[in-house]
C-alpha atoms as a PDB file:
ATOM      1  CA  MET A   1      57.587 116.204  21.385  1.00  0.00           C
ATOM      2  CA  SER A   2      54.667 118.496  22.341  1.00  0.00           C
ATOM      3  CA  ASP A   3      53.995 119.780  25.925  1.00  0.00           C
ATOM      4  CA  LYS A   4      51.005 117.483  25.868  1.00  0.00           C
ATOM      5  CA  GLN A   5      53.265 114.302  26.049  1.00  0.00           C
ATOM      6  CA  TYR A   6      55.556 115.652  28.743  1.00  0.00           C
ATOM      7  CA  ARG A   7      54.833 113.983  32.222  1.00  0.00           C
ATOM      8  CA  ILE A   8      55.462 115.947  35.302  1.00  0.00           C
ATOM      9  CA  TYR A   9      55.795 114.240  38.816  1.00  0.00           C
ATOM     10  CA  ILE A  10      55.195 116.579  41.620  1.00  0.00           C
ATOM     11  CA  VAL A  11      56.664 115.514  45.024  1.00  0.00           C
ATOM     12  CA  GLU A  12      55.248 118.278  47.421  1.00  0.00           C
ATOM     13  CA  ASP A  13      53.510 117.365  50.726  1.00  0.00           C
ATOM     14  CA  ASP A  14      51.591 120.727  51.054  1.00  0.00           C
ATOM     15  CA  PRO A  15      48.212 119.735  49.490  1.00  0.00           C
ATOM     16  CA  GLY A  16      47.493 123.364  48.578  1.00  0.00           C
ATOM     17  CA  ILE A  17      50.608 124.048  46.792  1.00  0.00           C
ATOM     18  CA  ALA A  18      50.766 120.508  44.899  1.00  0.00           C
ATOM     19  CA  GLY A  19      47.220 121.151  43.988  1.00  0.00           C
ATOM     20  CA  GLU A  20      47.835 124.510  42.381  1.00  0.00           C
ATOM     21  CA  ILE A  21      50.938 123.243  40.658  1.00  0.00           C
ATOM     22  CA  GLN A  22      49.055 120.320  39.032  1.00  0.00           C
ATOM     23  CA  LYS A  23      46.229 122.298  37.887  1.00  0.00           C
ATOM     24  CA  GLN A  24      48.268 125.128  36.323  1.00  0.00           C
ATOM     25  CA  LEU A  25      50.653 122.419  34.606  1.00  0.00           C
ATOM     26  CA  SER A  26      47.515 120.607  33.418  1.00  0.00           C
ATOM     27  CA  ALA A  27      46.192 123.880  32.016  1.00  0.00           C
ATOM     28  CA  TRP A  28      49.354 124.182  30.085  1.00  0.00           C
ATOM     29  CA  GLY A  29      48.809 120.792  28.565  1.00  0.00           C
ATOM     30  CA  PHE A  30      51.173 118.676  30.728  1.00  0.00           C
ATOM     31  CA  GLU A  31      50.229 115.411  32.365  1.00  0.00           C
ATOM     32  CA  ALA A  32      50.959 116.283  36.051  1.00  0.00           C
ATOM     33  CA  ARG A  33      50.720 113.854  38.745  1.00  0.00           C
ATOM     34  CA  GLN A  34      51.110 114.256  42.452  1.00  0.00           C
ATOM     35  CA  ALA A  35      53.022 111.981  44.863  1.00  0.00           C
ATOM     36  CA  GLU A  36      50.733 109.632  46.990  1.00  0.00           C
ATOM     37  CA  ASP A  37      52.900 107.667  49.276  1.00  0.00           C
ATOM     38  CA  PHE A  38      56.044 109.791  50.512  1.00  0.00           C
ATOM     39  CA  ARG A  39      57.798 106.540  51.471  1.00  0.00           C
ATOM     40  CA  LYS A  40      57.512 104.933  47.955  1.00  0.00           C
ATOM     41  CA  ILE A  41      58.752 107.924  45.723  1.00  0.00           C
ATOM     42  CA  THR A  42      61.079 105.821  43.661  1.00  0.00           C
ATOM     43  CA  GLU A  43      58.282 103.178  43.058  1.00  0.00           C
ATOM     44  CA  GLU A  44      55.872 105.971  41.974  1.00  0.00           C
ATOM     45  CA  PHE A  45      58.517 107.595  39.584  1.00  0.00           C
ATOM     46  CA  SER A  46      59.196 104.320  38.093  1.00  0.00           C
ATOM     47  CA  ALA A  47      55.557 103.616  37.497  1.00  0.00           C
ATOM     48  CA  PHE A  48      54.827 106.886  36.144  1.00  0.00           C
ATOM     49  CA  GLN A  49      58.141 107.471  34.159  1.00  0.00           C
ATOM     50  CA  PRO A  50      57.947 111.451  34.266  1.00  0.00           C
ATOM     51  CA  HIS A  51      60.060 113.584  31.819  1.00  0.00           C
ATOM     52  CA  LEU A  52      60.522 115.923  34.910  1.00  0.00           C
ATOM     53  CA  VAL A  53      60.407 116.081  38.509  1.00  0.00           C
ATOM     54  CA  LEU A  54      59.446 119.008  41.045  1.00  0.00           C
ATOM     55  CA  LEU A  55      61.019 118.046  44.432  1.00  0.00           C
ATOM     56  CA  ASP A  56      60.155 119.933  47.774  1.00  0.00           C
ATOM     57  CA  ILE A  57      63.186 119.436  50.245  1.00  0.00           C
ATOM     58  CA  MET A  58      61.255 119.386  53.150  1.00  0.00           C
ATOM     59  CA  LEU A  59      59.241 116.012  53.002  1.00  0.00           C
ATOM     60  CA  PRO A  60      57.766 113.469  55.442  1.00  0.00           C
ATOM     61  CA  PHE A  61      60.007 110.517  56.136  1.00  0.00           C
ATOM     62  CA  TYR A  62      63.240 111.439  53.908  1.00  0.00           C
ATOM     63  CA  ASN A  63      63.884 114.767  52.634  1.00  0.00           C
ATOM     64  CA  GLY A  64      64.144 115.959  49.033  1.00  0.00           C
ATOM     65  CA  TYR A  65      67.881 115.569  48.767  1.00  0.00           C
ATOM     66  CA  TYR A  66      67.656 111.772  49.707  1.00  0.00           C
ATOM     67  CA  TRP A  67      64.815 110.949  46.981  1.00  0.00           C
ATOM     68  CA  CYS A  68      66.910 113.045  44.255  1.00  0.00           C
ATOM     69  CA  GLY A  69      69.918 110.770  44.754  1.00  0.00           C
ATOM     70  CA  GLU A  70      67.520 107.773  44.686  1.00  0.00           C
ATOM     71  CA  ILE A  71      66.264 108.970  41.378  1.00  0.00           C
ATOM     72  CA  ARG A  72      69.610 109.852  40.076  1.00  0.00           C
ATOM     73  CA  LYS A  73      70.544 106.171  40.706  1.00  0.00           C
ATOM     74  CA  VAL A  74      68.100 104.993  38.088  1.00  0.00           C
ATOM     75  CA  SER A  75      67.711 108.122  35.788  1.00  0.00           C
ATOM     76  CA  ARG A  76      68.853 111.395  34.233  1.00  0.00           C
ATOM     77  CA  VAL A  77      65.556 112.996  34.314  1.00  0.00           C
ATOM     78  CA  PRO A  78      65.422 116.685  34.854  1.00  0.00           C
ATOM     79  CA  VAL A  79      64.896 117.710  38.543  1.00  0.00           C
ATOM     80  CA  ILE A  80      63.735 121.104  39.916  1.00  0.00           C
ATOM     81  CA  PHE A  81      64.108 121.495  43.677  1.00  0.00           C
ATOM     82  CA  LEU A  82      61.121 123.627  45.388  1.00  0.00           C
ATOM     83  CA  SER A  83      61.953 124.980  48.922  1.00  0.00           C
ATOM     84  CA  SER A  84      61.320 128.104  50.962  1.00  0.00           C
ATOM     85  CA  ALA A  85      64.623 127.556  52.121  1.00  0.00           C
ATOM     86  CA  SER A  86      66.604 129.529  49.191  1.00  0.00           C
ATOM     87  CA  ASP A  87      69.973 129.997  51.156  1.00  0.00           C
ATOM     88  CA  ASN A  88      73.099 129.235  49.018  1.00  0.00           C
ATOM     89  CA  MET A  89      73.783 126.200  51.101  1.00  0.00           C
ATOM     90  CA  ASN A  90      70.491 124.430  49.979  1.00  0.00           C
ATOM     91  CA  ILE A  91      71.217 125.396  46.456  1.00  0.00           C
ATOM     92  CA  ILE A  92      74.419 123.934  46.622  1.00  0.00           C
ATOM     93  CA  MET A  93      73.171 120.636  48.208  1.00  0.00           C
ATOM     94  CA  ALA A  94      70.758 120.473  45.786  1.00  0.00           C
ATOM     95  CA  VAL A  95      73.226 120.925  42.845  1.00  0.00           C
ATOM     96  CA  ASN A  96      75.381 118.448  44.434  1.00  0.00           C
ATOM     97  CA  GLN A  97      72.440 115.722  44.546  1.00  0.00           C
ATOM     98  CA  GLY A  98      72.001 116.082  40.741  1.00  0.00           C
ATOM     99  CA  ALA A  99      69.220 118.867  40.497  1.00  0.00           C
ATOM    100  CA  ASP A 100      69.246 120.799  37.203  1.00  0.00           C
ATOM    101  CA  ASP A 101      67.421 124.016  38.911  1.00  0.00           C
ATOM    102  CA  PHE A 102      66.147 125.405  41.930  1.00  0.00           C
ATOM    103  CA  VAL A 103      63.128 127.464  42.547  1.00  0.00           C
ATOM    104  CA  ALA A 104      62.423 129.466  46.016  1.00  0.00           C
ATOM    105  CA  LYS A 105      58.949 129.578  47.507  1.00  0.00           C
ATOM    106  CA  PRO A 106      56.736 131.482  47.288  1.00  0.00           C
ATOM    107  CA  PHE A 107      57.171 131.555  43.453  1.00  0.00           C
ATOM    108  CA  ASP A 108      55.183 132.853  40.698  1.00  0.00           C
ATOM    109  CA  MET A 109      53.567 129.809  38.559  1.00  0.00           C
ATOM    110  CA  GLY A 110      54.407 131.632  35.292  1.00  0.00           C
ATOM    111  CA  ILE A 111      57.993 131.663  36.211  1.00  0.00           C
ATOM    112  CA  LEU A 112      57.951 128.080  37.283  1.00  0.00           C
ATOM    113  CA  THR A 113      56.126 126.990  34.206  1.00  0.00           C
ATOM    114  CA  ALA A 114      58.667 129.074  32.045  1.00  0.00           C
ATOM    115  CA  LYS A 115      61.503 127.082  33.742  1.00  0.00           C
ATOM    116  CA  ILE A 116      59.789 123.958  33.507  1.00  0.00           C
ATOM    117  CA  GLN A 117      59.480 124.399  29.605  1.00  0.00           C
ATOM    118  CA  ALA A 118      62.893 125.594  29.224  1.00  0.00           C
ATOM    119  CA  LEU A 119      64.497 122.707  30.930  1.00  0.00           C
ATOM    120  CA  LEU A 120      62.301 120.015  29.063  1.00  0.00           C
ATOM    121  CA  ARG A 121      63.340 121.718  25.593  1.00  0.00           C
ATOM    122  CA  ARG A 122      67.198 121.764  26.483  1.00  0.00           C
ATOM    123  CA  THR A 123      66.763 117.921  27.852  1.00  0.00           C
ATOM    124  CA  TYR A 124      64.552 116.682  25.220  1.00  0.00           C
ATOM    125  CA  ASP A 125      64.159 118.751  21.966  1.00  0.00           C
ATOM    126  CA  TYR A 126      67.483 119.714  20.331  1.00  0.00           C
ATOM    127  CA  GLY A 127      65.070 119.534  17.220  1.00  0.00           C
ATOM    128  CA  ILE A 128      65.125 115.747  17.671  1.00  0.00           C
ATOM    129  CA  GLN A 129      62.008 113.448  18.571  1.00  0.00           C
ATOM    130  CA  THR A 130      62.687 111.501  21.891  1.00  0.00           C
ATOM    131  CA  GLU A 131      62.716 107.759  20.545  1.00  0.00           C
ATOM    132  CA  ILE A 132      61.580 104.679  22.088  1.00  0.00           C
ATOM    133  CA  LEU A 133      63.355 101.429  21.234  1.00  0.00           C
ATOM    134  CA  GLU A 134      61.595  98.421  22.308  1.00  0.00           C
ATOM    135  CA  HIS A 135      62.297  94.511  22.376  1.00  0.00           C
ATOM    136  CA  ARG A 136      60.935  91.611  24.325  1.00  0.00           C
ATOM    137  CA  GLY A 137      59.329  94.061  26.662  1.00  0.00           C
ATOM    138  CA  ALA A 138      62.630  95.852  27.424  1.00  0.00           C
ATOM    139  CA  VAL A 139      61.988  99.651  26.841  1.00  0.00           C
ATOM    140  CA  LEU A 140      64.937 101.808  25.846  1.00  0.00           C
ATOM    141  CA  ASN A 141      64.140 105.694  26.365  1.00  0.00           C
ATOM    142  CA  THR A 142      66.641 107.543  24.253  1.00  0.00           C
ATOM    143  CA  GLY A 143      65.567 110.835  25.936  1.00  0.00           C
ATOM    144  CA  ASP A 144      66.494 110.077  29.487  1.00  0.00           C
ATOM    145  CA  ALA A 145      68.826 107.124  28.736  1.00  0.00           C
ATOM    146  CA  THR A 146      67.073 104.578  30.787  1.00  0.00           C
ATOM    147  CA  LEU A 147      66.099 100.881  30.254  1.00  0.00           C
ATOM    148  CA  ARG A 148      62.743  99.706  31.800  1.00  0.00           C
ATOM    149  CA  TYR A 149      61.644  96.229  31.991  1.00  0.00           C
ATOM    150  CA  GLU A 150      58.688  94.883  33.960  1.00  0.00           C
ATOM    151  CA  GLY A 151      58.428  97.829  36.371  1.00  0.00           C
ATOM    152  CA  ARG A 152      62.181  97.927  36.916  1.00  0.00           C
ATOM    153  CA  VAL A 153      64.355 100.831  35.806  1.00  0.00           C
ATOM    154  CA  LEU A 154      68.138  99.484  35.075  1.00  0.00           C
ATOM    155  CA  GLU A 155      70.839 101.784  35.709  1.00  0.00           C
ATOM    156  CA  LEU A 156      73.213 102.068  32.612  1.00  0.00           C
ATOM    157  CA  THR A 157      76.483 103.677  32.359  1.00  0.00           C
ATOM    158  CA  LYS A 158      77.112 106.051  29.475  1.00  0.00           C
ATOM    159  CA  ASN A 159      79.181 103.205  27.502  1.00  0.00           C
ATOM    160  CA  GLU A 160      76.518 100.498  28.440  1.00  0.00           C
ATOM    161  CA  TYR A 161      73.680 102.709  27.132  1.00  0.00           C
ATOM    162  CA  ARG A 162      75.612 103.649  23.908  1.00  0.00           C
ATOM    163  CA  ILE A 163      76.344  99.970  23.026  1.00  0.00           C
ATOM    164  CA  LEU A 164      72.522  98.894  23.806  1.00  0.00           C
ATOM    165  CA  ARG A 165      71.032 101.846  21.930  1.00  0.00           C
ATOM    166  CA  THR A 166      73.196 100.738  18.832  1.00  0.00           C
ATOM    167  CA  LEU A 167      72.352  97.193  19.071  1.00  0.00           C
ATOM    168  CA  MET A 168      68.639  97.998  19.587  1.00  0.00           C
ATOM    169  CA  GLU A 169      68.582 100.324  16.533  1.00  0.00           C
ATOM    170  CA  SER A 170      70.103  97.552  14.517  1.00  0.00           C
ATOM    171  CA  ARG A 171      67.804  94.899  15.859  1.00  0.00           C
ATOM    172  CA  GLY A 172      67.953  91.873  13.640  1.00  0.00           C
ATOM    173  CA  LYS A 173      71.309  92.909  11.963  1.00  0.00           C
ATOM    174  CA  VAL A 174      74.874  91.970  13.276  1.00  0.00           C
ATOM    175  CA  VAL A 175      76.813  95.126  14.405  1.00  0.00           C
ATOM    176  CA  SER A 176      80.477  94.668  14.346  1.00  0.00           C
ATOM    177  CA  ARG A 177      82.967  95.336  17.059  1.00  0.00           C
ATOM    178  CA  GLU A 178      84.345  98.231  15.116  1.00  0.00           C
ATOM    179  CA  ARG A 179      81.001 100.034  14.710  1.00  0.00           C
ATOM    180  CA  LEU A 180      80.381  99.765  18.379  1.00  0.00           C
ATOM    181  CA  MET A 181      83.757 101.202  19.115  1.00  0.00           C
ATOM    182  CA  GLU A 182      83.146 104.060  16.775  1.00  0.00           C
ATOM    183  CA  ARG A 183      79.945 104.820  18.672  1.00  0.00           C
ATOM    184  CA  LEU A 184      81.656 104.911  22.047  1.00  0.00           C
ATOM    185  CA  TRP A 185      84.482 107.369  20.420  1.00  0.00           C
ATOM    186  CA  GLU A 186      81.778 109.761  19.583  1.00  0.00           C
ATOM    187  CA  THR A 187      81.170 110.489  23.318  1.00  0.00           C
ATOM    188  CA  ASP A 188      85.016 111.230  23.658  1.00  0.00           C
ATOM    189  CA  SER A 189      85.889 108.181  25.662  1.00  0.00           C
ATOM    190  CA  TYR A 190      88.448 106.132  23.752  1.00  0.00           C
ATOM    191  CA  VAL A 191      87.715 102.348  23.659  1.00  0.00           C
ATOM    192  CA  ASP A 192      89.972  99.539  22.821  1.00  0.00           C
ATOM    193  CA  GLU A 193      88.869  95.731  22.223  1.00  0.00           C
ATOM    194  CA  ASN A 194      89.427  94.611  25.694  1.00  0.00           C
ATOM    195  CA  THR A 195      87.478  97.750  27.332  1.00  0.00           C
ATOM    196  CA  LEU A 196      84.561  96.932  24.678  1.00  0.00           C
ATOM    197  CA  SER A 197      84.463  93.326  25.920  1.00  0.00           C
ATOM    198  CA  VAL A 198      84.235  94.391  29.490  1.00  0.00           C
ATOM    199  CA  ASN A 199      81.351  96.650  28.900  1.00  0.00           C
ATOM    200  CA  VAL A 200      79.423  94.377  26.594  1.00  0.00           C
ATOM    201  CA  ASN A 201      79.828  91.658  29.518  1.00  0.00           C
ATOM    202  CA  ARG A 202      79.039  93.919  32.100  1.00  0.00           C
ATOM    203  CA  LEU A 203      75.861  95.144  30.290  1.00  0.00           C
ATOM    204  CA  ARG A 204      74.906  91.296  29.765  1.00  0.00           C
ATOM    205  CA  LYS A 205      75.238  90.596  33.361  1.00  0.00           C
ATOM    206  CA  LYS A 206      72.845  93.489  34.112  1.00  0.00           C
ATOM    207  CA  LEU A 207      70.460  92.300  31.544  1.00  0.00           C
ATOM    208  CA  ASP A 208      70.438  88.805  32.801  1.00  0.00           C
ATOM    209  CA  GLY A 209      69.967  89.867  36.371  1.00  0.00           C
ATOM    210  CA  ALA A 210      66.827  91.705  35.289  1.00  0.00           C
ATOM    211  CA  GLY A 211      65.412  88.570  33.556  1.00  0.00           C
ATOM    212  CA  LEU A 212      66.654  89.591  30.105  1.00  0.00           C
ATOM    213  CA  THR A 213      68.632  86.509  29.535  1.00  0.00           C
ATOM    214  CA  GLY A 214      70.254  85.853  25.884  1.00  0.00           C
ATOM    215  CA  PHE A 215      69.245  89.435  25.205  1.00  0.00           C
ATOM    216  CA  ILE A 216      72.464  89.989  23.258  1.00  0.00           C
ATOM    217  CA  THR A 217      73.830  87.454  20.865  1.00  0.00           C
ATOM    218  CA  THR A 218      77.612  86.993  20.072  1.00  0.00           C
ATOM    219  CA  LYS A 219      78.577  86.048  16.341  1.00  0.00           C
ATOM    220  CA  ILE A 220      81.958  84.799  16.438  1.00  0.00           C
ATOM    221  CA  GLY A 221      84.357  86.878  14.313  1.00  0.00           C
ATOM    222  CA  MET A 222      81.488  89.059  13.325  1.00  0.00           C
ATOM    223  CA  GLY A 223      80.158  91.102  16.153  1.00  0.00           C
ATOM    224  CA  TYR A 224      76.941  91.317  18.044  1.00  0.00           C
ATOM    225  CA  LEU A 225      73.272  90.902  17.347  1.00  0.00           C
ATOM    226  CA  ILE A 226      69.820  91.417  19.078  1.00  0.00           C
ATOM    227  CA  GLU A 227      67.310  89.332  17.387  1.00  0.00           C
END
């Protein structure tokens, strides 16, 4: 994935700072967008589907810690906090809320850009292209492990994501329960037959609740199928 394909969402209420960040990142080939309504950060986030979020701590209505927590409910996308309050307590709170890095103001745009590039490489590259799997309008992004459908982001556990990814990669083919358990073992979580059933049933309920009824078909004695 080249830099031009990366989308960066800038949540900064100082128009001068936000504008300068957007200008510089655009010059580097990123698609950068500023927050418009500071009461609807999660809605804007879901609509834009960024690869990385730059998040100020002091914001109108709700602070950056709050919005980082809301984003973490639906996505593992990298978050870098921006703040003039660079004391240790703020850094600890940022990390505890799920932030990946912290940049103190005033900052050098070159340093910020280098941090962004490094974090994007660590998150998405590893020599592997981020893959998008799509079926019936549901989009599974293997880069940030999220499932999106009709503008909503579905929160998946690690096991649910692995199950859904395996089934979507083998769309049109039956995947045995043994194969699914092997994929889950790859993440160091031992799964038995009963645990697999619980995970599949929980995943089905989430998909049904989002309007994706009958997304996963059971083939008795064989396994599961997405067709």
